[in-house]
Amino acid sequence: MELIHYLQSYFITKEHLLRESRLSQTELNELIEKRLMPKAAYRLALNLKCDSFFGAHCDNSNLEFYPQGALVWLGVVSQLRDEAQAFDVFSHRYKGQINRLKTQGFTTKNTKLNGNIDSHLSSEWQYFLDGIYGLCTKTGLPEDIANKEAAIIIINEYLALEHDLSKTELVKLHQAVNLLDDASTQFAPHEREQSSRKRLIENVRAKFPVPSEL
């Protein structure tokens, strides 16, 4: 199945996460319930039917898949006591990455990444805990989340301009597209046509020429 191949190629199973972290299922569940650890990015319920020389066999199983950075985040929160501490770490790392992007020229006037960033981070934290960013970013970590959010905002700002983009604007647009490409997953086969990758990477690259300076 294409979906399972995709998940096995780009994500880690819950069993792998538990084995490498040396946590029990109960301990992982407690971290999720305490809002220190995100939920799985994907959950699969499988109904298997097998037929062989020995006869028919049926089996049911549930699989959970986490982003590649889940082990890194587990290493962080294992030293923390509560959600407030975990959110502080998330916020500090997210803001730090936004500041690094600004020094690299990825700037926006959008208040979400400026004066209202603390309010914005509250919603980002919830998406993070729900496993949404584990699905759509390569690592599921605050730095990739910040990269993805900044890139999407910048790309949409350029797409909203009512004039033909100058060469300088095209360069900056493609830099933002590349940033989004680096942070984003490929998305599962059934998700790709509706994904941000399709809208803001593939479609933008197809519509706008790449300046020679890029």
Protein backbone atom coordinates (compact mmCIF):
# COMPACT_ATOMS: atom_id res chain seq x y z
CA MET A 1 0.00 0.00 0.00
CA GLU A 2 1.33 3.40 -1.00
CA LEU A 3 0.24 5.05 2.26
CA ILE A 4 2.04 2.53 4.44
CA HIS A 5 5.17 2.77 2.29
CA TYR A 6 5.11 6.55 2.70
CA LEU A 7 4.71 6.37 6.47
CA GLN A 8 7.42 3.76 6.87
CA SER A 9 9.78 5.87 4.76
CA TYR A 10 9.34 9.22 6.48
CA PHE A 11 7.99 8.57 9.98
CA ILE A 12 8.74 6.36 12.96
CA THR A 13 6.30 3.94 14.56
CA LYS A 14 5.17 4.20 18.15
CA GLU A 15 6.99 0.94 18.83
CA HIS A 16 10.24 2.44 17.55
CA LEU A 17 9.65 5.55 19.64
CA LEU A 18 9.10 3.49 22.78
CA ARG A 19 12.05 1.24 22.13
CA GLU A 20 14.52 4.06 21.49
CA SER A 21 13.25 6.24 24.35
CA ARG A 22 12.94 3.28 26.74
CA LEU A 23 9.50 4.47 27.75
CA SER A 24 6.51 2.27 28.40
CA GLN A 25 3.21 2.76 26.61
CA THR A 26 1.77 4.04 29.88
CA GLU A 27 4.54 6.60 30.29
CA LEU A 28 4.09 7.88 26.73
CA ASN A 29 0.34 8.18 27.25
CA GLU A 30 0.93 10.15 30.45
CA LEU A 31 3.18 12.62 28.62
CA ILE A 32 0.51 13.10 25.96
CA GLU A 33 -2.25 13.52 28.56
CA LYS A 34 -0.15 16.05 30.47
CA ARG A 35 0.27 17.99 27.21
CA LEU A 36 4.01 17.62 27.13
CA MET A 37 4.15 15.36 24.08
CA PRO A 38 2.22 15.63 20.81
CA LYS A 39 -0.21 12.98 19.66
CA ALA A 40 0.73 10.74 16.76
CA ALA A 41 0.73 12.32 13.33
CA TYR A 42 -1.03 9.32 11.76
CA ARG A 43 -3.13 6.52 13.25
CA LEU A 44 -3.96 3.48 11.15
CA ALA A 45 -6.53 0.77 11.90
CA LEU A 46 -5.73 -2.30 9.80
CA ASN A 47 -7.92 -5.29 9.09
CA LEU A 48 -5.72 -7.97 7.57
CA LYS A 49 -6.83 -11.03 5.68
CA CYS A 50 -4.29 -13.65 4.71
CA ASP A 51 -4.69 -16.82 2.67
CA SER A 52 -1.92 -19.39 2.40
CA PHE A 53 -1.24 -23.12 2.28
CA PHE A 54 -2.23 -23.27 5.96
CA GLY A 55 -5.56 -21.61 5.31
CA ALA A 56 -7.19 -18.24 5.90
CA HIS A 57 -6.13 -15.92 8.70
CA CYS A 58 -7.53 -12.58 9.88
CA ASP A 59 -5.88 -10.05 12.12
CA ASN A 60 -6.60 -6.53 13.37
CA SER A 61 -3.94 -4.06 14.37
CA ASN A 62 -3.54 -0.36 15.14
CA LEU A 63 -0.42 1.54 14.12
CA GLU A 64 0.71 5.01 15.14
CA PHE A 65 3.35 7.06 13.35
CA TYR A 66 5.34 9.98 14.74
CA PRO A 67 7.60 12.53 13.01
CA GLN A 68 11.36 12.01 12.94
CA GLY A 69 11.91 14.66 15.60
CA ALA A 70 9.68 12.97 18.17
CA LEU A 71 12.63 11.32 19.91
CA VAL A 72 14.39 14.67 20.18
CA TRP A 73 11.32 16.29 21.74
CA LEU A 74 10.91 13.36 24.13
CA GLY A 75 14.46 13.96 25.31
CA VAL A 76 13.50 17.54 26.14
CA VAL A 77 10.20 16.97 27.92
CA SER A 78 11.45 14.00 29.95
CA GLN A 79 13.24 16.58 32.11
CA LEU A 80 10.19 18.83 32.53
CA ARG A 81 7.36 18.83 35.07
CA ASP A 82 4.36 20.40 33.38
CA GLU A 83 2.86 21.94 30.26
CA ALA A 84 3.93 25.46 31.16
CA GLN A 85 7.58 24.43 31.07
CA ALA A 86 7.13 22.55 27.80
CA PHE A 87 5.39 25.52 26.21
CA ASP A 88 8.22 27.81 27.36
CA VAL A 89 10.73 25.58 25.56
CA PHE A 90 8.56 25.46 22.44
CA SER A 91 8.05 29.23 22.48
CA HIS A 92 11.73 30.01 23.05
CA ARG A 93 12.85 27.77 20.20
CA TYR A 94 10.12 29.03 17.85
CA LYS A 95 10.92 32.70 18.52
CA GLY A 96 14.62 32.01 18.21
CA GLN A 97 14.11 30.54 14.76
CA ILE A 98 11.90 33.44 13.65
CA ASN A 99 14.66 35.84 14.73
CA ARG A 100 17.26 33.85 12.80
CA LEU A 101 15.04 33.97 9.71
CA LYS A 102 14.75 37.74 10.00
CA THR A 103 18.54 38.09 10.00
CA GLN A 104 18.55 36.00 6.81
CA GLY A 105 16.12 38.38 5.10
CA PHE A 106 12.86 36.46 5.65
CA THR A 107 10.80 39.37 6.90
CA THR A 108 7.08 40.07 7.06
CA LYS A 109 4.83 42.77 8.45
CA ASN A 110 2.29 40.19 9.54
CA THR A 111 1.59 40.75 13.23
CA LYS A 112 1.46 36.99 13.91
CA LEU A 113 5.24 36.87 13.71
CA ASN A 114 5.83 40.29 15.24
CA GLY A 115 3.80 42.12 17.87
CA ASN A 116 1.18 39.36 18.28
CA ILE A 117 3.57 36.44 18.29
CA ASP A 118 2.74 35.41 21.87
CA SER A 119 -0.94 35.07 21.00
CA HIS A 120 -0.03 33.26 17.79
CA LEU A 121 2.15 30.81 19.70
CA SER A 122 -0.80 29.69 21.81
CA SER A 123 -2.56 28.37 18.72
CA GLU A 124 0.68 26.96 17.30
CA TRP A 125 1.19 25.04 20.54
CA GLN A 126 -2.27 23.46 20.24
CA TYR A 127 -1.64 22.42 16.64
CA PHE A 128 1.68 20.99 17.76
CA LEU A 129 0.07 18.94 20.55
CA ASP A 130 -2.65 17.68 18.22
CA GLY A 131 0.01 16.16 15.96
CA ILE A 132 -0.81 18.44 13.02
CA TYR A 133 2.74 19.73 12.67
CA GLY A 134 4.04 16.20 13.01
CA LEU A 135 2.10 15.47 9.85
CA CYS A 136 3.11 18.48 7.74
CA THR A 137 6.71 19.25 8.79
CA LYS A 138 9.69 16.96 8.40
CA THR A 139 10.73 16.90 12.05
CA GLY A 140 7.69 18.20 13.92
CA LEU A 141 10.07 20.40 15.94
CA PRO A 142 9.60 24.13 16.72
CA GLU A 143 12.26 25.24 14.23
CA ASP A 144 10.61 23.52 11.26
CA ILE A 145 7.21 24.78 12.40
CA ALA A 146 8.52 28.36 12.53
CA ASN A 147 10.11 27.95 9.10
CA LYS A 148 6.87 26.62 7.65
CA GLU A 149 4.69 29.36 9.15
CA ALA A 150 7.04 32.18 8.11
CA ALA A 151 7.40 30.80 4.59
CA ILE A 152 3.63 30.43 4.10
CA ILE A 153 3.00 33.99 5.30
CA ILE A 154 5.69 35.44 3.03
CA ILE A 155 4.58 33.45 -0.03
CA ASN A 156 0.95 34.50 0.45
CA GLU A 157 2.01 38.14 0.78
CA TYR A 158 3.72 38.00 -2.60
CA LEU A 159 0.82 36.15 -4.20
CA ALA A 160 -1.55 38.85 -2.96
CA LEU A 161 0.33 41.67 -4.69
CA GLU A 162 -1.68 43.28 -7.47
CA HIS A 163 1.27 43.96 -9.75
CA ASP A 164 3.68 41.79 -11.69
CA LEU A 165 6.50 40.75 -9.41
CA SER A 166 9.85 42.40 -9.98
CA LYS A 167 12.99 40.34 -10.31
CA THR A 168 13.89 41.13 -6.69
CA GLU A 169 10.43 40.09 -5.52
CA LEU A 170 10.64 36.87 -7.52
CA VAL A 171 13.97 36.06 -5.90
CA LYS A 172 12.51 36.56 -2.44
CA LEU A 173 9.39 34.58 -3.36
CA HIS A 174 11.44 31.59 -4.46
CA GLN A 175 13.61 31.82 -1.37
CA ALA A 176 10.44 31.52 0.73
CA VAL A 177 9.23 28.61 -1.43
CA ASN A 178 12.55 26.83 -0.90
CA LEU A 179 12.30 27.44 2.83
CA LEU A 180 8.83 25.88 2.84
CA ASP A 181 10.07 22.97 0.74
CA ASP A 182 12.88 22.27 3.19
CA ALA A 183 10.51 22.31 6.19
CA SER A 184 7.55 20.44 4.71
CA THR A 185 6.81 16.76 4.35
CA GLN A 186 5.81 15.21 1.04
CA PHE A 187 2.35 14.53 2.52
CA ALA A 188 0.56 11.21 2.24
CA PRO A 189 -0.64 10.25 -1.25
CA HIS A 190 -4.31 10.96 -0.48
CA GLU A 191 -3.44 14.40 0.95
CA ARG A 192 -1.16 15.85 -1.71
CA GLU A 193 -3.67 17.53 -3.99
CA GLN A 194 -5.07 19.56 -1.06
CA SER A 195 -1.76 20.19 0.69
CA SER A 196 0.23 23.37 1.19
CA ARG A 197 3.02 21.68 -0.79
CA LYS A 198 0.78 21.50 -3.85
CA ARG A 199 -0.60 25.05 -3.49
CA LEU A 200 2.43 26.97 -2.34
CA ILE A 201 5.40 25.01 -3.68
CA GLU A 202 4.48 23.09 -6.81
CA ASN A 203 1.89 25.56 -8.15
CA VAL A 204 4.02 28.63 -7.36
CA ARG A 205 7.09 27.16 -9.01
CA ALA A 206 5.01 26.27 -12.06
CA LYS A 207 3.49 29.75 -12.32
CA PHE A 208 6.47 31.97 -11.59
CA PRO A 209 9.83 31.77 -13.39
CA VAL A 210 12.98 31.38 -11.35
CA PRO A 211 15.22 34.46 -11.72
CA SER A 212 18.80 33.78 -12.73
CA GLU A 213 20.03 35.40 -9.49
CA LEU A 214 18.44 32.66 -7.38
